[in-house]
Every structure is written in structure tokens, then in C-alpha cells.
Amino acid sequence: PMWRPWERWTGQVGSARASFFANPVVELSGRKIAALICYEQLVVWPILQSMLHRPDMVVLIGNGWWTTDGNIVAIQRASAKAWSDLFDIPLVISFNT
């Protein structure tokens, strides 16, 4: 589900829950994974918070089909690669372009 912060005020239900301090990594098959989705790849807080929890890898997930003539996907990849290199952590990238 998508995060829809207005649901609280409209009485709707079903939104994903977002928290500023919770869930920076997930565990899958005994490995801690920091998943950065879309714009989180360009914001400092999500990666720094995730690194505090010492993940085994960073997984980059994005949807770049709407950037037909832009270079946002390349920028997101370069940013994630830089963080990956800085923290010496494996990086997996998946983009829908």
C-alpha cells in the first residue's frame, strides 16, 4: 500500500505506516537490508539512519519511467553507489525505466 498521511483525518484506512525513526532496515533470510525507495535515495537521513543499524546490504528500488528525457535515475544510482562505497556495503539496484 502507498503511504497516505491524510487518511488519519479523512477516516480512510489501508495506508502504509511511515515513521521518522522506525524500521530503517528489514531482515530477510537472516540478513539485514536497508531498502531505499525512490526519493529516499537522494535524502541524507534515510541512508544515515539505516547505516546506524549495520545492514548487510542496501537495496535501491525506483521507478524512472516518467523521467524519459531526464537523468534522475543516473543521479539516484550515482548517489547510492557513493553511499555504498563510503560505508563499504554491497548495493543492489532495481529500477523500472
N, C-alpha and C. Protein backbone atom coordinates (compact mmCIF):
# COMPACT_ATOMS: atom_id res chain seq x y z
N PRO A 1 0.83 -1.19 0.00
CA PRO A 1 0.00 0.00 0.00
C PRO A 1 0.87 1.26 0.00
N MET A 2 0.33 2.30 -0.52
CA MET A 2 1.03 3.59 -0.53
C MET A 2 0.84 4.29 0.81
N TRP A 3 1.78 5.17 1.13
CA TRP A 3 1.66 5.98 2.33
C TRP A 3 0.79 7.17 2.02
N ARG A 4 -0.32 7.28 2.73
CA ARG A 4 -1.25 8.39 2.54
C ARG A 4 -1.49 9.03 3.90
N PRO A 5 -0.66 10.00 4.27
CA PRO A 5 -0.73 10.55 5.63
C PRO A 5 -2.05 11.23 5.97
N TRP A 6 -2.84 11.62 4.98
CA TRP A 6 -4.10 12.30 5.23
C TRP A 6 -5.20 11.35 5.70
N GLU A 7 -4.98 10.04 5.61
CA GLU A 7 -6.04 9.09 5.99
C GLU A 7 -6.51 9.27 7.42
N ARG A 8 -5.62 9.64 8.28
CA ARG A 8 -5.98 9.84 9.69
C ARG A 8 -7.11 10.86 9.83
N TRP A 9 -7.10 11.89 9.00
CA TRP A 9 -8.08 12.96 9.09
C TRP A 9 -9.33 12.70 8.26
N THR A 10 -9.23 11.81 7.26
CA THR A 10 -10.39 11.56 6.40
C THR A 10 -11.16 10.31 6.79
N GLY A 11 -10.63 9.53 7.72
CA GLY A 11 -11.30 8.33 8.16
C GLY A 11 -11.06 7.12 7.26
N GLN A 12 -10.22 7.26 6.24
CA GLN A 12 -9.89 6.13 5.37
C GLN A 12 -8.91 5.21 6.09
N VAL A 13 -8.80 3.98 5.60
CA VAL A 13 -7.85 3.03 6.18
C VAL A 13 -7.11 2.31 5.06
N GLY A 14 -5.98 1.70 5.39
CA GLY A 14 -5.26 0.89 4.42
C GLY A 14 -3.92 1.46 4.00
N SER A 15 -3.57 2.62 4.51
CA SER A 15 -2.31 3.26 4.13
C SER A 15 -1.14 2.55 4.80
N ALA A 16 0.01 2.56 4.13
CA ALA A 16 1.24 2.09 4.76
C ALA A 16 1.58 3.07 5.88
N ARG A 17 2.25 2.59 6.89
CA ARG A 17 2.61 3.44 8.02
C ARG A 17 4.04 3.91 7.87
N ALA A 18 4.25 5.17 8.02
CA ALA A 18 5.59 5.74 7.95
C ALA A 18 5.95 6.33 9.31
N SER A 19 7.19 6.14 9.70
CA SER A 19 7.66 6.67 10.96
C SER A 19 9.07 7.22 10.75
N PHE A 20 9.33 8.37 11.32
CA PHE A 20 10.62 9.03 11.12
C PHE A 20 11.78 8.22 11.70
N PHE A 21 11.53 7.50 12.80
CA PHE A 21 12.62 6.79 13.47
C PHE A 21 12.54 5.27 13.39
N ALA A 22 11.44 4.71 12.94
CA ALA A 22 11.25 3.26 12.97
C ALA A 22 11.62 2.60 11.64
N ASN A 23 11.95 1.34 11.72
CA ASN A 23 12.13 0.46 10.58
C ASN A 23 13.14 0.92 9.52
N PRO A 24 14.36 1.29 9.90
CA PRO A 24 15.32 1.68 8.87
C PRO A 24 15.89 0.50 8.10
N VAL A 25 15.78 -0.71 8.67
CA VAL A 25 16.23 -1.91 7.98
C VAL A 25 15.19 -3.01 8.17
N VAL A 26 15.18 -3.97 7.26
CA VAL A 26 14.32 -5.14 7.40
C VAL A 26 15.22 -6.37 7.40
N GLU A 27 14.73 -7.44 7.98
CA GLU A 27 15.50 -8.68 7.99
C GLU A 27 14.85 -9.68 7.05
N LEU A 28 15.66 -10.26 6.19
CA LEU A 28 15.19 -11.24 5.22
C LEU A 28 16.20 -12.36 5.15
N SER A 29 15.77 -13.56 5.45
CA SER A 29 16.64 -14.74 5.45
C SER A 29 17.90 -14.53 6.28
N GLY A 30 17.72 -13.89 7.43
CA GLY A 30 18.83 -13.70 8.35
C GLY A 30 19.77 -12.56 7.99
N ARG A 31 19.45 -11.80 6.95
CA ARG A 31 20.29 -10.67 6.55
C ARG A 31 19.53 -9.37 6.74
N LYS A 32 20.22 -8.35 7.25
CA LYS A 32 19.61 -7.03 7.41
C LYS A 32 19.77 -6.24 6.12
N ILE A 33 18.65 -5.69 5.65
CA ILE A 33 18.63 -4.98 4.37
C ILE A 33 18.10 -3.57 4.59
N ALA A 34 18.83 -2.61 4.05
CA ALA A 34 18.36 -1.23 4.03
C ALA A 34 17.76 -0.99 2.66
N ALA A 35 16.46 -0.81 2.59
CA ALA A 35 15.77 -0.58 1.32
C ALA A 35 15.51 0.91 1.17
N LEU A 36 16.03 1.49 0.10
CA LEU A 36 15.81 2.90 -0.18
C LEU A 36 14.90 2.99 -1.39
N ILE A 37 13.75 3.59 -1.20
CA ILE A 37 12.73 3.64 -2.24
C ILE A 37 12.62 5.06 -2.78
N CYS A 38 12.77 5.18 -4.08
CA CYS A 38 12.56 6.42 -4.82
C CYS A 38 13.37 7.58 -4.27
N TYR A 39 12.73 8.64 -3.82
CA TYR A 39 13.44 9.85 -3.42
C TYR A 39 14.32 9.65 -2.19
N GLU A 40 14.10 8.59 -1.42
CA GLU A 40 14.95 8.33 -0.25
C GLU A 40 16.41 8.17 -0.66
N GLN A 41 16.64 7.85 -1.91
CA GLN A 41 17.99 7.66 -2.41
C GLN A 41 18.74 8.98 -2.51
N LEU A 42 18.02 10.09 -2.45
CA LEU A 42 18.64 11.41 -2.58
C LEU A 42 18.64 12.20 -1.28
N VAL A 43 18.06 11.64 -0.23
CA VAL A 43 17.95 12.32 1.05
C VAL A 43 18.96 11.69 2.02
N VAL A 44 19.64 12.50 2.79
CA VAL A 44 20.70 12.02 3.67
C VAL A 44 20.16 11.18 4.83
N TRP A 45 19.07 11.59 5.44
CA TRP A 45 18.58 10.92 6.65
C TRP A 45 18.33 9.42 6.47
N PRO A 46 17.61 8.96 5.45
CA PRO A 46 17.32 7.52 5.36
C PRO A 46 18.58 6.64 5.31
N ILE A 47 19.59 7.05 4.56
CA ILE A 47 20.78 6.20 4.48
C ILE A 47 21.57 6.25 5.77
N LEU A 48 21.70 7.42 6.39
CA LEU A 48 22.45 7.50 7.64
C LEU A 48 21.76 6.73 8.75
N GLN A 49 20.45 6.85 8.84
CA GLN A 49 19.71 6.10 9.86
C GLN A 49 19.85 4.60 9.62
N SER A 50 19.78 4.18 8.36
CA SER A 50 19.93 2.77 8.05
C SER A 50 21.32 2.26 8.42
N MET A 51 22.35 3.04 8.16
CA MET A 51 23.72 2.61 8.45
C MET A 51 23.97 2.45 9.94
N LEU A 52 23.24 3.17 10.78
CA LEU A 52 23.36 3.01 12.23
C LEU A 52 22.99 1.59 12.66
N HIS A 53 22.18 0.91 11.86
CA HIS A 53 21.72 -0.45 12.18
C HIS A 53 22.55 -1.52 11.49
N ARG A 54 23.65 -1.13 10.88
CA ARG A 54 24.61 -2.03 10.25
C ARG A 54 23.97 -3.08 9.34
N PRO A 55 23.34 -2.64 8.26
CA PRO A 55 22.73 -3.60 7.33
C PRO A 55 23.79 -4.38 6.57
N ASP A 56 23.41 -5.54 6.06
CA ASP A 56 24.31 -6.35 5.26
C ASP A 56 24.36 -5.89 3.81
N MET A 57 23.34 -5.16 3.38
CA MET A 57 23.30 -4.64 2.02
C MET A 57 22.29 -3.51 1.91
N VAL A 58 22.44 -2.73 0.85
CA VAL A 58 21.48 -1.68 0.52
C VAL A 58 20.78 -2.10 -0.77
N VAL A 59 19.46 -2.02 -0.77
CA VAL A 59 18.69 -2.33 -1.96
C VAL A 59 18.01 -1.05 -2.41
N LEU A 60 18.28 -0.68 -3.64
CA LEU A 60 17.75 0.54 -4.25
C LEU A 60 16.57 0.17 -5.13
N ILE A 61 15.42 0.78 -4.88
CA ILE A 61 14.22 0.49 -5.66
C ILE A 61 13.69 1.81 -6.20
N GLY A 62 13.43 1.86 -7.49
CA GLY A 62 12.94 3.11 -8.06
C GLY A 62 12.11 2.90 -9.31
N ASN A 63 11.39 3.93 -9.65
CA ASN A 63 10.54 3.91 -10.82
C ASN A 63 10.88 5.14 -11.64
N GLY A 64 11.63 4.96 -12.72
CA GLY A 64 12.07 6.10 -13.51
C GLY A 64 11.41 6.22 -14.86
N TRP A 65 10.34 5.51 -15.11
CA TRP A 65 9.68 5.56 -16.43
C TRP A 65 9.20 6.95 -16.78
N TRP A 66 8.88 7.74 -15.77
CA TRP A 66 8.34 9.08 -16.01
C TRP A 66 9.43 10.10 -16.33
N THR A 67 10.70 9.70 -16.23
CA THR A 67 11.81 10.62 -16.46
C THR A 67 12.42 10.40 -17.84
N THR A 68 11.60 10.30 -18.85
CA THR A 68 12.04 9.90 -20.19
C THR A 68 13.26 10.66 -20.70
N ASP A 69 13.30 11.97 -20.54
CA ASP A 69 14.43 12.74 -21.04
C ASP A 69 15.33 13.26 -19.93
N GLY A 70 15.06 12.87 -18.71
CA GLY A 70 15.84 13.37 -17.58
C GLY A 70 16.95 12.42 -17.18
N ASN A 71 17.71 12.82 -16.21
CA ASN A 71 18.81 11.99 -15.74
C ASN A 71 18.68 11.64 -14.26
N ILE A 72 17.46 11.68 -13.73
CA ILE A 72 17.24 11.41 -12.31
C ILE A 72 17.67 9.99 -11.93
N VAL A 73 17.42 9.01 -12.78
CA VAL A 73 17.81 7.63 -12.46
C VAL A 73 19.33 7.53 -12.34
N ALA A 74 20.05 8.16 -13.23
CA ALA A 74 21.52 8.15 -13.17
C ALA A 74 22.00 8.84 -11.90
N ILE A 75 21.35 9.91 -11.51
CA ILE A 75 21.73 10.63 -10.29
C ILE A 75 21.47 9.76 -9.06
N GLN A 76 20.31 9.09 -9.03
CA GLN A 76 19.99 8.22 -7.91
C GLN A 76 20.99 7.06 -7.82
N ARG A 77 21.34 6.48 -8.95
CA ARG A 77 22.33 5.39 -8.97
C ARG A 77 23.69 5.87 -8.45
N ALA A 78 24.12 7.03 -8.93
CA ALA A 78 25.42 7.57 -8.52
C ALA A 78 25.44 7.88 -7.02
N SER A 79 24.34 8.44 -6.53
CA SER A 79 24.25 8.75 -5.10
C SER A 79 24.34 7.47 -4.26
N ALA A 80 23.57 6.47 -4.64
CA ALA A 80 23.57 5.21 -3.90
C ALA A 80 24.94 4.53 -3.97
N LYS A 81 25.57 4.57 -5.12
CA LYS A 81 26.91 3.97 -5.28
C LYS A 81 27.91 4.67 -4.36
N ALA A 82 27.80 5.99 -4.26
CA ALA A 82 28.70 6.74 -3.38
C ALA A 82 28.51 6.33 -1.92
N TRP A 83 27.25 6.22 -1.47
CA TRP A 83 26.99 5.79 -0.10
C TRP A 83 27.48 4.36 0.12
N SER A 84 27.23 3.50 -0.86
CA SER A 84 27.67 2.11 -0.77
C SER A 84 29.20 2.03 -0.62
N ASP A 85 29.90 2.80 -1.42
CA ASP A 85 31.36 2.82 -1.34
C ASP A 85 31.84 3.40 -0.01
N LEU A 86 31.19 4.48 0.43
CA LEU A 86 31.59 5.12 1.68
C LEU A 86 31.49 4.16 2.86
N PHE A 87 30.39 3.41 2.92
CA PHE A 87 30.17 2.50 4.04
C PHE A 87 30.66 1.07 3.75
N ASP A 88 31.23 0.86 2.57
CA ASP A 88 31.75 -0.45 2.18
C ASP A 88 30.69 -1.54 2.36
N ILE A 89 29.57 -1.34 1.70
CA ILE A 89 28.44 -2.25 1.83
C ILE A 89 27.91 -2.58 0.44
N PRO A 90 27.55 -3.84 0.18
CA PRO A 90 27.03 -4.23 -1.14
C PRO A 90 25.75 -3.47 -1.50
N LEU A 91 25.58 -3.23 -2.80
CA LEU A 91 24.46 -2.49 -3.31
C LEU A 91 23.74 -3.28 -4.40
N VAL A 92 22.42 -3.36 -4.29
CA VAL A 92 21.59 -3.99 -5.33
C VAL A 92 20.66 -2.90 -5.84
N ILE A 93 20.60 -2.76 -7.18
CA ILE A 93 19.80 -1.70 -7.78
C ILE A 93 18.71 -2.29 -8.66
N SER A 94 17.48 -1.79 -8.50
CA SER A 94 16.37 -2.21 -9.35
C SER A 94 15.54 -0.99 -9.71
N PHE A 95 15.51 -0.66 -11.00
CA PHE A 95 14.74 0.47 -11.49
C PHE A 95 13.80 0.02 -12.59
N ASN A 96 12.61 0.55 -12.60
CA ASN A 96 11.65 0.36 -13.68
C ASN A 96 11.76 1.60 -14.56
N THR A 97 12.37 1.44 -15.73
CA THR A 97 12.54 2.60 -16.62
C THR A 97 11.85 2.36 -17.95
